[in-house]
Amino acid sequence: MLLFFPFTLLEKEKLMLEYGFAQPSVITRLRHGPLGPHLETLATTLHQHGYARNSIRGYLRACHQCGQWLSQQGHTMAAVDTALVARYLHGRP
């Protein structure tokens, strides 16, 4: 049986950020941040697992902040390891 979905997977994933955030400037900032491509997938996965809207927003903000810190420190996703995560967490207020 073939089901018709009006959106492609990519379009559906992009809608997840709109589900969590109403302001276009916030959505743009998240999408264009260092972890932007990963945030789309994360939002979709959290939603599929039944996370509440506010929880999804909190996780996306935290990941965005972590991505900003990684970028400011000159690190890439490939460089992330336990020690780097510990440094990030230690420096958070």
Foldseek 3Di string as FASTA:
>chain_A
DDDDDPDDPVVVLLCLVCVQDVDPVVSVLCCPFQCNVVLSVQSVVCVVVPHDSVVSVVVSVVVRVVSVVCVVVPHHPVPDDPVVVVVVVVPDD
